[in-house]
Amino acid sequence: MKRTHMWGTVRTAALCLLSMGVLLSGCALTFGYRHADWMISWQLDHYLDLTAGQRRDVTARLKPLLARHRTEAIPQYEQFLKELQQRVSRGLTREDLEWMYASYDRFREDLFERAVPDGSALLMTVSERQVRNLEDVNIHGLEDRMFDVVGMNGDVNHAG
């Protein structure tokens, strides 16, 4: 009897943790999307050390880009996910996988087509100092990732 009670408690705790995980992942996604302009600007600034003028330009360019993405792309993603759910429920076929990859390619291409003009405008303003900053950030990031994989003693970390 004690053992049954323990398993009930464990199951309840596991269910609570799973529910919290699902809720938090949804909240994190919503939070992330709601603050995408800030996160994108922050990442660009991290890599390029933007000037005040570049920050203003990035902010001004992101607003319409993200607004258009919300109104045009998100409904397409929603439709894709509904269709995917139906396909998964009936069992995926080779054609379904090809459809998924083709959809991904279409979504990615659409996003790049939207972002390239504004990204190109930013790149035209990047200085040599900013290029060096980008190189430094990437080199340090690569070193950090290599350290995570190889570890301090030179042994490969297969878990990472």
C-alpha atoms as a PDB file:
ATOM      1  CA  MET A   1       0.000   0.000   0.000  1.00  0.00           C
ATOM      2  CA  LYS A   2       2.812   2.353   0.817  1.00  0.00           C
ATOM      3  CA  ARG A   3       4.438   1.560  -2.512  1.00  0.00           C
ATOM      4  CA  THR A   4       1.210   2.362  -4.400  1.00  0.00           C
ATOM      5  CA  HIS A   5       0.983   5.715  -2.654  1.00  0.00           C
ATOM      6  CA  MET A   6       4.604   6.450  -3.559  1.00  0.00           C
ATOM      7  CA  TRP A   7       3.991   5.682  -7.255  1.00  0.00           C
ATOM      8  CA  GLY A   8       0.905   7.882  -7.209  1.00  0.00           C
ATOM      9  CA  THR A   9       2.985  10.722  -5.805  1.00  0.00           C
ATOM     10  CA  VAL A  10       5.746  10.151  -8.346  1.00  0.00           C
ATOM     11  CA  ARG A  11       3.234  10.079 -11.202  1.00  0.00           C
ATOM     12  CA  THR A  12       1.575  13.245  -9.939  1.00  0.00           C
ATOM     13  CA  ALA A  13       4.932  14.998  -9.634  1.00  0.00           C
ATOM     14  CA  ALA A  14       5.965  13.831 -13.110  1.00  0.00           C
ATOM     15  CA  LEU A  15       2.662  15.010 -14.563  1.00  0.00           C
ATOM     16  CA  CYS A  16       3.069  18.399 -12.865  1.00  0.00           C
ATOM     17  CA  LEU A  17       6.622  18.747 -14.185  1.00  0.00           C
ATOM     18  CA  LEU A  18       5.553  17.763 -17.680  1.00  0.00           C
ATOM     19  CA  SER A  19       2.655  20.224 -17.580  1.00  0.00           C
ATOM     20  CA  MET A  20       4.926  22.991 -16.350  1.00  0.00           C
ATOM     21  CA  GLY A  21       7.407  22.202 -19.106  1.00  0.00           C
ATOM     22  CA  VAL A  22       4.726  22.428 -21.773  1.00  0.00           C
ATOM     23  CA  LEU A  23       3.358  25.667 -20.349  1.00  0.00           C
ATOM     24  CA  LEU A  24       6.791  27.206 -19.964  1.00  0.00           C
ATOM     25  CA  SER A  25       7.868  26.228 -23.461  1.00  0.00           C
ATOM     26  CA  GLY A  26       4.756  27.908 -24.855  1.00  0.00           C
ATOM     27  CA  CYS A  27       5.393  30.956 -22.693  1.00  0.00           C
ATOM     28  CA  ALA A  28       9.035  31.051 -23.747  1.00  0.00           C
ATOM     29  CA  LEU A  29       8.058  30.896 -27.399  1.00  0.00           C
ATOM     30  CA  THR A  30       5.501  33.666 -26.975  1.00  0.00           C
ATOM     31  CA  PHE A  31       7.922  35.749 -24.932  1.00  0.00           C
ATOM     32  CA  GLY A  32      10.673  35.227 -27.486  1.00  0.00           C
ATOM     33  CA  TYR A  33       8.496  36.164 -30.415  1.00  0.00           C
ATOM     34  CA  ARG A  34       7.049  39.167 -28.627  1.00  0.00           C
ATOM     35  CA  HIS A  35      10.576  40.431 -27.973  1.00  0.00           C
ATOM     36  CA  ALA A  36      12.157  39.315 -31.246  1.00  0.00           C
ATOM     37  CA  ASP A  37      13.048  42.875 -32.206  1.00  0.00           C
ATOM     38  CA  TRP A  38      15.042  43.343 -29.026  1.00  0.00           C
ATOM     39  CA  MET A  39      16.705  39.910 -29.255  1.00  0.00           C
ATOM     40  CA  ILE A  40      17.704  40.388 -32.897  1.00  0.00           C
ATOM     41  CA  SER A  41      19.093  43.850 -32.155  1.00  0.00           C
ATOM     42  CA  TRP A  42      20.951  42.508 -29.139  1.00  0.00           C
ATOM     43  CA  GLN A  43      22.509  39.690 -31.193  1.00  0.00           C
ATOM     44  CA  LEU A  44      23.531  42.059 -33.977  1.00  0.00           C
ATOM     45  CA  ASP A  45      25.049  44.400 -31.416  1.00  0.00           C
ATOM     46  CA  HIS A  46      26.875  41.484 -29.797  1.00  0.00           C
ATOM     47  CA  TYR A  47      28.434  40.433 -33.084  1.00  0.00           C
ATOM     48  CA  LEU A  48      29.038  43.838 -34.647  1.00  0.00           C
ATOM     49  CA  ASP A  49      29.147  46.317 -31.751  1.00  0.00           C
ATOM     50  CA  LEU A  50      26.647  48.556 -33.524  1.00  0.00           C
ATOM     51  CA  THR A  51      26.905  52.316 -33.511  1.00  0.00           C
ATOM     52  CA  ALA A  52      23.982  54.370 -32.203  1.00  0.00           C
ATOM     53  CA  GLY A  53      22.939  55.154 -35.778  1.00  0.00           C
ATOM     54  CA  GLN A  54      23.073  51.503 -36.777  1.00  0.00           C
ATOM     55  CA  ARG A  55      20.965  50.569 -33.740  1.00  0.00           C
ATOM     56  CA  ARG A  56      18.332  53.121 -34.741  1.00  0.00           C
ATOM     57  CA  ASP A  57      18.375  51.851 -38.324  1.00  0.00           C
ATOM     58  CA  VAL A  58      18.074  48.216 -37.227  1.00  0.00           C
ATOM     59  CA  THR A  59      15.168  49.077 -34.929  1.00  0.00           C
ATOM     60  CA  ALA A  60      13.401  51.017 -37.673  1.00  0.00           C
ATOM     61  CA  ARG A  61      13.895  48.218 -40.212  1.00  0.00           C
ATOM     62  CA  LEU A  62      12.855  45.420 -37.860  1.00  0.00           C
ATOM     63  CA  LYS A  63       9.441  46.868 -37.021  1.00  0.00           C
ATOM     64  CA  PRO A  64       7.876  46.471 -40.493  1.00  0.00           C
ATOM     65  CA  LEU A  65       9.769  43.237 -41.159  1.00  0.00           C
ATOM     66  CA  LEU A  66       8.423  41.595 -38.005  1.00  0.00           C
ATOM     67  CA  ALA A  67       4.938  43.066 -38.483  1.00  0.00           C
ATOM     68  CA  ARG A  68       4.785  41.588 -41.968  1.00  0.00           C
ATOM     69  CA  HIS A  69       6.113  38.291 -40.653  1.00  0.00           C
ATOM     70  CA  ARG A  70       3.372  38.187 -38.011  1.00  0.00           C
ATOM     71  CA  THR A  71       0.586  38.859 -40.479  1.00  0.00           C
ATOM     72  CA  GLU A  72       1.813  36.793 -43.428  1.00  0.00           C
ATOM     73  CA  ALA A  73       4.189  34.070 -42.269  1.00  0.00           C
ATOM     74  CA  ILE A  74       2.692  33.031 -38.940  1.00  0.00           C
ATOM     75  CA  PRO A  75      -0.652  32.025 -40.511  1.00  0.00           C
ATOM     76  CA  GLN A  76       1.296  29.926 -43.032  1.00  0.00           C
ATOM     77  CA  TYR A  77       3.222  28.246 -40.194  1.00  0.00           C
ATOM     78  CA  GLU A  78      -0.038  27.573 -38.390  1.00  0.00           C
ATOM     79  CA  GLN A  79      -1.539  25.958 -41.486  1.00  0.00           C
ATOM     80  CA  PHE A  80       1.639  23.921 -41.981  1.00  0.00           C
ATOM     81  CA  LEU A  81       1.497  22.640 -38.393  1.00  0.00           C
ATOM     82  CA  LYS A  82      -2.172  21.675 -38.719  1.00  0.00           C
ATOM     83  CA  GLU A  83      -1.430  19.789 -41.915  1.00  0.00           C
ATOM     84  CA  LEU A  84       1.604  18.167 -40.310  1.00  0.00           C
ATOM     85  CA  GLN A  85      -0.492  17.024 -37.362  1.00  0.00           C
ATOM     86  CA  GLN A  86      -2.948  15.346 -39.740  1.00  0.00           C
ATOM     87  CA  ARG A  87      -0.159  13.657 -41.658  1.00  0.00           C
ATOM     88  CA  VAL A  88       1.529  12.412 -38.487  1.00  0.00           C
ATOM     89  CA  SER A  89      -1.743  11.045 -37.118  1.00  0.00           C
ATOM     90  CA  ARG A  90      -2.287   8.913 -40.221  1.00  0.00           C
ATOM     91  CA  GLY A  91       1.368   7.846 -40.411  1.00  0.00           C
ATOM     92  CA  LEU A  92       4.134   9.601 -42.306  1.00  0.00           C
ATOM     93  CA  THR A  93       5.062   8.535 -45.802  1.00  0.00           C
ATOM     94  CA  ARG A  94       8.013   9.406 -47.977  1.00  0.00           C
ATOM     95  CA  GLU A  95       5.833  11.986 -49.733  1.00  0.00           C
ATOM     96  CA  ASP A  96       5.034  13.567 -46.366  1.00  0.00           C
ATOM     97  CA  LEU A  97       8.732  13.925 -45.589  1.00  0.00           C
ATOM     98  CA  GLU A  98       9.345  15.486 -48.983  1.00  0.00           C
ATOM     99  CA  TRP A  99       6.438  17.867 -48.333  1.00  0.00           C
ATOM    100  CA  MET A 100       7.924  18.825 -44.944  1.00  0.00           C
ATOM    101  CA  TYR A 101      11.349  19.554 -46.429  1.00  0.00           C
ATOM    102  CA  ALA A 102       9.834  21.500 -49.319  1.00  0.00           C
ATOM    103  CA  SER A 103       7.742  23.531 -46.861  1.00  0.00           C
ATOM    104  CA  TYR A 104      10.801  24.242 -44.741  1.00  0.00           C
ATOM    105  CA  ASP A 105      12.725  25.368 -47.812  1.00  0.00           C
ATOM    106  CA  ARG A 106       9.842  27.628 -48.848  1.00  0.00           C
ATOM    107  CA  PHE A 107       9.580  29.180 -45.364  1.00  0.00           C
ATOM    108  CA  ARG A 108      13.327  29.724 -45.148  1.00  0.00           C
ATOM    109  CA  GLU A 109      13.504  31.227 -48.626  1.00  0.00           C
ATOM    110  CA  ASP A 110      10.620  33.569 -47.836  1.00  0.00           C
ATOM    111  CA  LEU A 111      12.285  34.728 -44.627  1.00  0.00           C
ATOM    112  CA  PHE A 112      15.599  35.355 -46.372  1.00  0.00           C
ATOM    113  CA  GLU A 113      13.897  37.255 -49.186  1.00  0.00           C
ATOM    114  CA  ARG A 114      12.296  39.507 -46.595  1.00  0.00           C
ATOM    115  CA  ALA A 115      15.468  40.020 -44.546  1.00  0.00           C
ATOM    116  CA  VAL A 116      18.170  40.340 -47.218  1.00  0.00           C
ATOM    117  CA  PRO A 117      17.413  43.913 -48.354  1.00  0.00           C
ATOM    118  CA  ASP A 118      17.523  45.263 -44.802  1.00  0.00           C
ATOM    119  CA  GLY A 119      20.483  43.088 -43.884  1.00  0.00           C
ATOM    120  CA  SER A 120      22.348  44.308 -46.943  1.00  0.00           C
ATOM    121  CA  ALA A 121      21.684  47.910 -45.976  1.00  0.00           C
ATOM    122  CA  LEU A 122      23.190  47.233 -42.548  1.00  0.00           C
ATOM    123  CA  LEU A 123      26.212  45.468 -44.017  1.00  0.00           C
ATOM    124  CA  MET A 124      26.938  48.498 -46.189  1.00  0.00           C
ATOM    125  CA  THR A 125      27.518  50.510 -42.998  1.00  0.00           C
ATOM    126  CA  VAL A 126      29.776  48.020 -41.199  1.00  0.00           C
ATOM    127  CA  SER A 127      33.283  49.282 -40.466  1.00  0.00           C
ATOM    128  CA  GLU A 128      36.548  47.340 -40.407  1.00  0.00           C
ATOM    129  CA  ARG A 129      36.513  47.537 -36.609  1.00  0.00           C
ATOM    130  CA  GLN A 130      33.103  45.872 -36.604  1.00  0.00           C
ATOM    131  CA  VAL A 131      34.328  43.147 -38.950  1.00  0.00           C
ATOM    132  CA  ARG A 132      37.215  42.473 -36.543  1.00  0.00           C
ATOM    133  CA  ASN A 133      34.727  42.372 -33.667  1.00  0.00           C
ATOM    134  CA  LEU A 134      32.652  39.823 -35.587  1.00  0.00           C
ATOM    135  CA  GLU A 135      35.753  37.715 -36.197  1.00  0.00           C
ATOM    136  CA  ASP A 136      36.744  37.896 -32.520  1.00  0.00           C
ATOM    137  CA  VAL A 137      33.272  36.927 -31.314  1.00  0.00           C
ATOM    138  CA  ASN A 138      33.165  33.990 -33.723  1.00  0.00           C
ATOM    139  CA  ILE A 139      36.660  32.814 -32.806  1.00  0.00           C
ATOM    140  CA  HIS A 140      35.885  32.949 -29.082  1.00  0.00           C
ATOM    141  CA  GLY A 141      32.563  31.213 -29.654  1.00  0.00           C
ATOM    142  CA  LEU A 142      34.282  28.466 -31.620  1.00  0.00           C
ATOM    143  CA  GLU A 143      36.909  28.079 -28.904  1.00  0.00           C
ATOM    144  CA  ASP A 144      34.177  27.818 -26.269  1.00  0.00           C
ATOM    145  CA  ARG A 145      32.315  25.171 -28.260  1.00  0.00           C
ATOM    146  CA  MET A 146      35.520  23.217 -28.823  1.00  0.00           C
ATOM    147  CA  PHE A 147      36.271  23.403 -25.099  1.00  0.00           C
ATOM    148  CA  ASP A 148      32.787  22.069 -24.359  1.00  0.00           C
ATOM    149  CA  VAL A 149      33.304  19.135 -26.728  1.00  0.00           C
ATOM    150  CA  VAL A 150      36.935  18.330 -25.953  1.00  0.00           C
ATOM    151  CA  GLY A 151      37.120  19.382 -22.304  1.00  0.00           C
ATOM    152  CA  MET A 152      40.006  20.590 -20.192  1.00  0.00           C
ATOM    153  CA  ASN A 153      42.000  17.372 -20.280  1.00  0.00           C
ATOM    154  CA  GLY A 154      41.716  16.858 -24.038  1.00  0.00           C
ATOM    155  CA  ASP A 155      39.223  13.994 -23.792  1.00  0.00           C
ATOM    156  CA  VAL A 156      36.281  14.176 -26.156  1.00  0.00           C
ATOM    157  CA  ASN A 157      32.999  14.774 -24.338  1.00  0.00           C
ATOM    158  CA  HIS A 158      30.505  12.561 -26.180  1.00  0.00           C
ATOM    159  CA  ALA A 159      27.555  13.812 -24.131  1.00  0.00           C
ATOM    160  CA  GLY A 160      27.899  17.417 -25.390  1.00  0.00           C
END
